[in-house]
C-alpha atoms as a PDB file:
ATOM      1  CA  UNK A   1     103.231 141.034 102.695  1.00  0.00           C
ATOM      2  CA  UNK A   2     102.502 143.215 105.173  1.00  0.00           C
ATOM      3  CA  UNK A   3     102.870 146.382 102.227  1.00  0.00           C
ATOM      4  CA  UNK A   4     100.543 143.923  99.974  1.00  0.00           C
ATOM      5  CA  UNK A   5     103.414 141.599  97.687  1.00  0.00           C
ATOM      6  CA  UNK A   6     101.004 138.705  97.561  1.00  0.00           C
ATOM      7  CA  UNK A   7     102.327 138.017  94.041  1.00  0.00           C
ATOM      8  CA  UNK A   8     104.253 135.696  92.053  1.00  0.00           C
ATOM      9  CA  UNK A   9     106.089 139.244  90.436  1.00  0.00           C
ATOM     10  CA  UNK A  10     106.978 140.655  94.858  1.00  0.00           C
ATOM     11  CA  UNK A  11     109.219 137.609  95.393  1.00  0.00           C
ATOM     12  CA  UNK A  12     111.111 138.266  93.048  1.00  0.00           C
ATOM     13  CA  UNK A  13     111.565 141.880  92.867  1.00  0.00           C
ATOM     14  CA  UNK A  14     112.839 141.785  96.359  1.00  0.00           C
ATOM     15  CA  UNK A  15     115.614 138.669  95.591  1.00  0.00           C
ATOM     16  CA  UNK A  16     116.203 141.250  92.963  1.00  0.00           C
ATOM     17  CA  UNK A  17     117.287 143.803  94.682  1.00  0.00           C
ATOM     18  CA  UNK A  18     118.267 142.485  97.007  1.00  0.00           C
ATOM     19  CA  UNK A  19     120.983 140.932  95.515  1.00  0.00           C
ATOM     20  CA  UNK A  20     121.420 144.456  93.542  1.00  0.00           C
ATOM     21  CA  UNK A  21     122.045 146.046  97.177  1.00  0.00           C
ATOM     22  CA  UNK A  22     124.779 143.247  97.705  1.00  0.00           C
ATOM     23  CA  UNK A  23     126.869 143.322  93.851  1.00  0.00           C
ATOM     24  CA  UNK A  24     125.791 147.840  93.219  1.00  0.00           C
ATOM     25  CA  UNK A  25     124.299 149.505  95.784  1.00  0.00           C
ATOM     26  CA  UNK A  26     126.821 148.618  99.083  1.00  0.00           C
ATOM     27  CA  UNK A  27     127.385 152.517  98.953  1.00  0.00           C
ATOM     28  CA  UNK A  28     124.672 153.393  99.649  1.00  0.00           C
ATOM     29  CA  UNK A  29     123.664 151.273 101.897  1.00  0.00           C
ATOM     30  CA  UNK A  30     126.662 152.134 103.488  1.00  0.00           C
ATOM     31  CA  UNK A  31     125.511 155.920 104.774  1.00  0.00           C
ATOM     32  CA  UNK A  32     122.630 154.264 106.276  1.00  0.00           C
ATOM     33  CA  UNK A  33     123.022 155.559 109.812  1.00  0.00           C
ATOM     34  CA  UNK A  34     124.105 151.960 111.608  1.00  0.00           C
ATOM     35  CA  UNK A  35     121.605 153.163 114.753  1.00  0.00           C
ATOM     36  CA  UNK A  36     118.802 153.548 112.047  1.00  0.00           C
ATOM     37  CA  UNK A  37     119.783 149.822 110.751  1.00  0.00           C
ATOM     38  CA  UNK A  38     119.282 148.288 114.424  1.00  0.00           C
ATOM     39  CA  UNK A  39     115.870 150.177 114.682  1.00  0.00           C
ATOM     40  CA  UNK A  40     114.682 147.681 111.630  1.00  0.00           C
ATOM     41  CA  UNK A  41     116.290 144.760 113.118  1.00  0.00           C
ATOM     42  CA  UNK A  42     114.978 145.445 115.798  1.00  0.00           C
ATOM     43  CA  UNK A  43     111.403 145.724 113.735  1.00  0.00           C
ATOM     44  CA  UNK A  44     112.466 142.813 111.586  1.00  0.00           C
ATOM     45  CA  UNK A  45     112.876 140.617 115.408  1.00  0.00           C
ATOM     46  CA  UNK A  46     109.262 141.496 116.730  1.00  0.00           C
ATOM     47  CA  UNK A  47     107.807 140.682 113.833  1.00  0.00           C
ATOM     48  CA  UNK A  48     108.589 138.082 112.876  1.00  0.00           C
ATOM     49  CA  UNK A  49     109.353 136.522 116.484  1.00  0.00           C
ATOM     50  CA  UNK A  50     106.945 133.179 117.633  1.00  0.00           C
ATOM     51  CA  UNK A  51     105.628 134.638 120.945  1.00  0.00           C
ATOM     52  CA  UNK A  52     103.408 131.712 120.393  1.00  0.00           C
ATOM     53  CA  UNK A  53     106.305 130.035 121.558  1.00  0.00           C
ATOM     54  CA  UNK A  54     106.236 131.180 124.906  1.00  0.00           C
ATOM     55  CA  UNK A  55     102.918 130.368 124.934  1.00  0.00           C
ATOM     56  CA  UNK A  56     103.419 126.894 124.482  1.00  0.00           C
ATOM     57  CA  UNK A  57     106.929 126.157 126.980  1.00  0.00           C
ATOM     58  CA  UNK A  58     104.610 124.493 129.942  1.00  0.00           C
ATOM     59  CA  UNK A  59     102.605 122.077 127.487  1.00  0.00           C
ATOM     60  CA  UNK A  60     105.657 120.491 126.095  1.00  0.00           C
ATOM     61  CA  UNK A  61     108.093 117.963 127.350  1.00  0.00           C
ATOM     62  CA  UNK A  62     110.928 119.441 129.028  1.00  0.00           C
ATOM     63  CA  UNK A  63     113.258 118.413 126.660  1.00  0.00           C
ATOM     64  CA  UNK A  64     111.980 120.364 123.545  1.00  0.00           C
ATOM     65  CA  UNK A  65     111.385 123.318 125.626  1.00  0.00           C
ATOM     66  CA  UNK A  66     114.895 122.930 126.807  1.00  0.00           C
ATOM     67  CA  UNK A  67     116.258 122.972 123.369  1.00  0.00           C
ATOM     68  CA  UNK A  68     114.295 125.584 122.093  1.00  0.00           C
ATOM     69  CA  UNK A  69     115.665 127.295 124.732  1.00  0.00           C
ATOM     70  CA  UNK A  70     119.346 126.430 124.910  1.00  0.00           C
ATOM     71  CA  UNK A  71     118.976 127.719 120.714  1.00  0.00           C
ATOM     72  CA  UNK A  72     117.834 130.945 121.286  1.00  0.00           C
ATOM     73  CA  UNK A  73     120.576 131.053 123.094  1.00  0.00           C
ATOM     74  CA  UNK A  74     123.356 130.156 121.034  1.00  0.00           C
ATOM     75  CA  UNK A  75     122.146 132.504 118.564  1.00  0.00           C
ATOM     76  CA  UNK A  76     122.136 135.377 120.622  1.00  0.00           C
ATOM     77  CA  UNK A  77     125.850 134.432 121.814  1.00  0.00           C
ATOM     78  CA  UNK A  78     127.221 133.216 118.403  1.00  0.00           C
ATOM     79  CA  UNK A  79     124.578 132.942 115.093  1.00  0.00           C
ATOM     80  CA  UNK A  80     121.533 131.175 114.254  1.00  0.00           C
ATOM     81  CA  UNK A  81     124.663 128.752 112.143  1.00  0.00           C
ATOM     82  CA  UNK A  82     126.266 127.256 115.094  1.00  0.00           C
ATOM     83  CA  UNK A  83     122.876 127.711 117.472  1.00  0.00           C
ATOM     84  CA  UNK A  84     121.431 125.851 113.943  1.00  0.00           C
ATOM     85  CA  UNK A  85     124.027 122.941 114.868  1.00  0.00           C
ATOM     86  CA  UNK A  86     123.616 122.611 118.766  1.00  0.00           C
ATOM     87  CA  UNK A  87     120.485 122.517 118.777  1.00  0.00           C
ATOM     88  CA  UNK A  88     120.760 119.261 116.610  1.00  0.00           C
ATOM     89  CA  UNK A  89     123.507 117.222 118.305  1.00  0.00           C
ATOM     90  CA  UNK A  90     121.489 117.980 121.741  1.00  0.00           C
ATOM     91  CA  UNK A  91     117.620 117.074 119.992  1.00  0.00           C
ATOM     92  CA  UNK A  92     120.507 113.696 119.011  1.00  0.00           C
ATOM     93  CA  UNK A  93     121.431 112.641 121.975  1.00  0.00           C
ATOM     94  CA  UNK A  94     118.549 113.822 124.061  1.00  0.00           C
ATOM     95  CA  UNK A  95     116.157 110.900 121.461  1.00  0.00           C
ATOM     96  CA  UNK A  96     119.795 108.602 122.675  1.00  0.00           C
ATOM     97  CA  UNK A  97     118.984 109.691 126.475  1.00  0.00           C
ATOM     98  CA  UNK A  98     114.849 109.018 126.335  1.00  0.00           C
ATOM     99  CA  UNK A  99     115.684 105.970 124.744  1.00  0.00           C
ATOM    100  CA  UNK A 100     117.913 104.336 126.745  1.00  0.00           C
ATOM    101  CA  UNK A 101     114.759 104.181 129.336  1.00  0.00           C
ATOM    102  CA  UNK A 102     112.868 101.849 126.801  1.00  0.00           C
ATOM    103  CA  UNK A 103     114.637  98.610 127.144  1.00  0.00           C
ATOM    104  CA  UNK A 104     112.282  96.444 128.697  1.00  0.00           C
ATOM    105  CA  UNK A 105     111.896  92.797 129.457  1.00  0.00           C
ATOM    106  CA  UNK A 106     109.102  90.879 129.480  1.00  0.00           C
ATOM    107  CA  UNK A 107     110.574  86.944 132.115  1.00  0.00           C
ATOM    108  CA  UNK A 108     109.156  83.866 132.501  1.00  0.00           C
ATOM    109  CA  UNK A 109     110.333  80.003 133.784  1.00  0.00           C
ATOM    110  CA  UNK A 110     109.439  77.543 131.379  1.00  0.00           C
ATOM    111  CA  UNK A 111     108.555  73.670 132.453  1.00  0.00           C
ATOM    112  CA  UNK A 112     112.282  72.894 132.345  1.00  0.00           C
ATOM    113  CA  UNK A 113     112.662  74.942 135.081  1.00  0.00           C
ATOM    114  CA  UNK A 114     115.102  78.267 132.648  1.00  0.00           C
ATOM    115  CA  UNK A 115     114.397  81.579 132.964  1.00  0.00           C
ATOM    116  CA  UNK A 116     113.448  83.464 129.953  1.00  0.00           C
ATOM    117  CA  UNK A 117     114.068  87.122 129.199  1.00  0.00           C
ATOM    118  CA  UNK A 118     112.341  89.029 126.416  1.00  0.00           C
ATOM    119  CA  UNK A 119     114.415  91.582 125.391  1.00  0.00           C
ATOM    120  CA  UNK A 120     111.973  94.788 124.241  1.00  0.00           C
ATOM    121  CA  UNK A 121     113.208  97.407 122.727  1.00  0.00           C
ATOM    122  CA  UNK A 122     117.154  98.281 120.717  1.00  0.00           C
ATOM    123  CA  UNK A 123     120.869  97.531 122.508  1.00  0.00           C
ATOM    124  CA  UNK A 124     123.076 100.524 122.138  1.00  0.00           C
ATOM    125  CA  UNK A 125     125.535 102.980 123.639  1.00  0.00           C
ATOM    126  CA  UNK A 126     121.622 104.294 125.175  1.00  0.00           C
ATOM    127  CA  UNK A 127     120.668 101.468 126.403  1.00  0.00           C
ATOM    128  CA  UNK A 128     123.662  98.861 127.724  1.00  0.00           C
ATOM    129  CA  UNK A 129     122.809 100.147 131.236  1.00  0.00           C
ATOM    130  CA  UNK A 130     119.276  99.508 131.087  1.00  0.00           C
ATOM    131  CA  UNK A 131     119.694  96.014 129.941  1.00  0.00           C
ATOM    132  CA  UNK A 132     122.352  95.062 132.259  1.00  0.00           C
ATOM    133  CA  UNK A 133     119.280  95.628 135.081  1.00  0.00           C
ATOM    134  CA  UNK A 134     117.105  93.616 133.322  1.00  0.00           C
ATOM    135  CA  UNK A 135     118.799  90.709 135.061  1.00  0.00           C
ATOM    136  CA  UNK A 136     119.220  89.294 138.324  1.00  0.00           C
ATOM    137  CA  UNK A 137     122.070  86.632 138.383  1.00  0.00           C
ATOM    138  CA  UNK A 138     121.994  86.026 141.849  1.00  0.00           C
ATOM    139  CA  UNK A 139     118.206  84.767 141.818  1.00  0.00           C
ATOM    140  CA  UNK A 140     118.138  83.466 138.607  1.00  0.00           C
ATOM    141  CA  UNK A 141     118.347  78.987 137.998  1.00  0.00           C
ATOM    142  CA  UNK A 142     121.249  77.856 136.701  1.00  0.00           C
ATOM    143  CA  UNK A 143     119.601  78.466 132.461  1.00  0.00           C
ATOM    144  CA  UNK A 144     118.912  81.384 131.876  1.00  0.00           C
ATOM    145  CA  UNK A 145     117.729  82.654 127.816  1.00  0.00           C
ATOM    146  CA  UNK A 146     118.263  86.001 126.077  1.00  0.00           C
ATOM    147  CA  UNK A 147     115.103  86.739 123.482  1.00  0.00           C
ATOM    148  CA  UNK A 148     115.744  88.777 121.113  1.00  0.00           C
ATOM    149  CA  UNK A 149     113.016  89.008 118.444  1.00  0.00           C
ATOM    150  CA  UNK A 150     111.860  92.174 119.311  1.00  0.00           C
ATOM    151  CA  UNK A 151     115.447  93.156 120.068  1.00  0.00           C
ATOM    152  CA  UNK A 152     118.722  94.542 118.241  1.00  0.00           C
ATOM    153  CA  UNK A 153     122.526  93.890 119.195  1.00  0.00           C
ATOM    154  CA  UNK A 154     123.198  97.581 117.469  1.00  0.00           C
ATOM    155  CA  UNK A 155     127.143  99.162 118.290  1.00  0.00           C
ATOM    156  CA  UNK A 156     130.162  97.498 120.497  1.00  0.00           C
ATOM    157  CA  UNK A 157     129.126  98.921 123.437  1.00  0.00           C
ATOM    158  CA  UNK A 158     125.336  96.641 123.165  1.00  0.00           C
ATOM    159  CA  UNK A 159     128.441  93.888 122.730  1.00  0.00           C
ATOM    160  CA  UNK A 160     129.940  94.822 125.175  1.00  0.00           C
ATOM    161  CA  UNK A 161     126.994  94.450 127.366  1.00  0.00           C
ATOM    162  CA  UNK A 162     126.216  91.119 126.217  1.00  0.00           C
ATOM    163  CA  UNK A 163     129.741  90.234 127.969  1.00  0.00           C
ATOM    164  CA  UNK A 164     129.617  91.325 130.928  1.00  0.00           C
ATOM    165  CA  UNK A 165     126.464  90.161 131.279  1.00  0.00           C
ATOM    166  CA  UNK A 166     126.760  86.453 130.523  1.00  0.00           C
ATOM    167  CA  UNK A 167     130.594  86.466 132.811  1.00  0.00           C
ATOM    168  CA  UNK A 168     128.201  87.742 135.622  1.00  0.00           C
ATOM    169  CA  UNK A 169     126.076  83.725 134.933  1.00  0.00           C
ATOM    170  CA  UNK A 170     129.393  82.131 134.511  1.00  0.00           C
ATOM    171  CA  UNK A 171     131.484  83.784 138.297  1.00  0.00           C
ATOM    172  CA  UNK A 172     127.714  82.414 139.534  1.00  0.00           C
ATOM    173  CA  UNK A 173     128.182  78.998 137.681  1.00  0.00           C
ATOM    174  CA  UNK A 174     125.229  79.670 135.842  1.00  0.00           C
ATOM    175  CA  UNK A 175     124.596  78.985 131.540  1.00  0.00           C
ATOM    176  CA  UNK A 176     123.126  82.253 129.740  1.00  0.00           C
ATOM    177  CA  UNK A 177     121.640  81.313 125.812  1.00  0.00           C
ATOM    178  CA  UNK A 178     120.647  83.887 122.915  1.00  0.00           C
ATOM    179  CA  UNK A 179     118.154  83.025 120.761  1.00  0.00           C
ATOM    180  CA  UNK A 180     116.707  84.433 118.018  1.00  0.00           C
ATOM    181  CA  UNK A 181     119.588  86.750 116.857  1.00  0.00           C
ATOM    182  CA  UNK A 182     119.164  88.224 113.130  1.00  0.00           C
ATOM    183  CA  UNK A 183     122.232  87.555 110.594  1.00  0.00           C
ATOM    184  CA  UNK A 184     123.018  91.109 110.891  1.00  0.00           C
ATOM    185  CA  UNK A 185     123.552  90.201 114.584  1.00  0.00           C
ATOM    186  CA  UNK A 186     124.873  87.089 114.485  1.00  0.00           C
ATOM    187  CA  UNK A 187     127.738  89.025 111.612  1.00  0.00           C
ATOM    188  CA  UNK A 188     128.373  91.551 114.234  1.00  0.00           C
ATOM    189  CA  UNK A 189     129.304  89.399 117.581  1.00  0.00           C
ATOM    190  CA  UNK A 190     130.647  87.273 115.243  1.00  0.00           C
ATOM    191  CA  UNK A 191     133.439  89.938 114.174  1.00  0.00           C
ATOM    192  CA  UNK A 192     133.938  90.901 117.736  1.00  0.00           C
ATOM    193  CA  UNK A 193     134.639  86.944 119.071  1.00  0.00           C
ATOM    194  CA  UNK A 194     131.998  87.246 120.558  1.00  0.00           C
ATOM    195  CA  UNK A 195     129.241  84.279 122.384  1.00  0.00           C
ATOM    196  CA  UNK A 196     127.719  83.866 119.457  1.00  0.00           C
ATOM    197  CA  UNK A 197     127.863  81.616 115.727  1.00  0.00           C
ATOM    198  CA  UNK A 198     125.988  82.169 113.102  1.00  0.00           C
ATOM    199  CA  UNK A 199     122.184  79.384 113.552  1.00  0.00           C
ATOM    200  CA  UNK A 200     119.706  78.985 109.926  1.00  0.00           C
ATOM    201  CA  UNK A 201     116.809  79.588 112.741  1.00  0.00           C
ATOM    202  CA  UNK A 202     116.933  82.876 114.006  1.00  0.00           C
ATOM    203  CA  UNK A 203     115.235  85.592 111.707  1.00  0.00           C
ATOM    204  CA  UNK A 204     116.361  88.374 109.676  1.00  0.00           C
ATOM    205  CA  UNK A 205     115.604  91.726 109.660  1.00  0.00           C
ATOM    206  CA  UNK A 206     114.385  92.943 106.752  1.00  0.00           C
ATOM    207  CA  UNK A 207     111.360  95.693 106.137  1.00  0.00           C
ATOM    208  CA  UNK A 208     110.361  93.900 108.486  1.00  0.00           C
ATOM    209  CA  UNK A 209     110.516  90.544 111.007  1.00  0.00           C
ATOM    210  CA  UNK A 210     110.436  87.198 110.297  1.00  0.00           C
ATOM    211  CA  UNK A 211     107.619  85.267 112.690  1.00  0.00           C
ATOM    212  CA  UNK A 212     106.779  82.500 111.621  1.00  0.00           C
ATOM    213  CA  UNK A 213     109.591  80.824 111.872  1.00  0.00           C
ATOM    214  CA  UNK A 214     111.281  77.914 114.622  1.00  0.00           C
ATOM    215  CA  UNK A 215     112.884  78.096 117.652  1.00  0.00           C
ATOM    216  CA  UNK A 216     116.604  78.557 118.858  1.00  0.00           C
ATOM    217  CA  UNK A 217     118.539  78.387 121.053  1.00  0.00           C
ATOM    218  CA  UNK A 218     122.396  79.368 120.490  1.00  0.00           C
ATOM    219  CA  UNK A 219     124.749  78.246 123.287  1.00  0.00           C
ATOM    220  CA  UNK A 220     127.901  81.679 125.097  1.00  0.00           C
ATOM    221  CA  UNK A 221     129.411  79.210 125.305  1.00  0.00           C
ATOM    222  CA  UNK A 222     129.646  80.369 129.151  1.00  0.00           C
END
């Protein structure tokens, strides 16, 4: 582009020359002094580095900035392929950690005196600790209902979080009930020998949540 090549022919020519150097002209390339190649690579780095990224580090989220710096450091220390893998893993972990803070609950008391917790957000390994902090077993009444209309039970860590919560209420002589679990959540809990059985009046999750269903309360056995 900087030399004026802007048509399809320029890209084809560059690819063919590179292929020729690799297949038949490697001996010619080896005659170029290494110091000269180092100078060329420095100029390539200067020309291709996204210098504007330095100015936006203060404007983007801290997690994104840390990932950028980490990927840059790993690229220098190892290579680009390893840096990409590290960046993907760290970004995935950061996403899971951020999601863990998004789970919350809306609580209210029914006319019968039961406390209902309406869970918002998925329940999985990243949000299990936050899920446990939503409840106050010591202060809750004898009947507590956990409504999963806007949540889903995703993995084994979520099952364990529910089981631990039920054990806390059982130790206090209180009853914990689960409401609006989807069919796949039922299957997950049933395979693990957990708290609930299938019910026809709970919603199913397809392309969207079906909110137009009758409310059903499932006993936990505790």
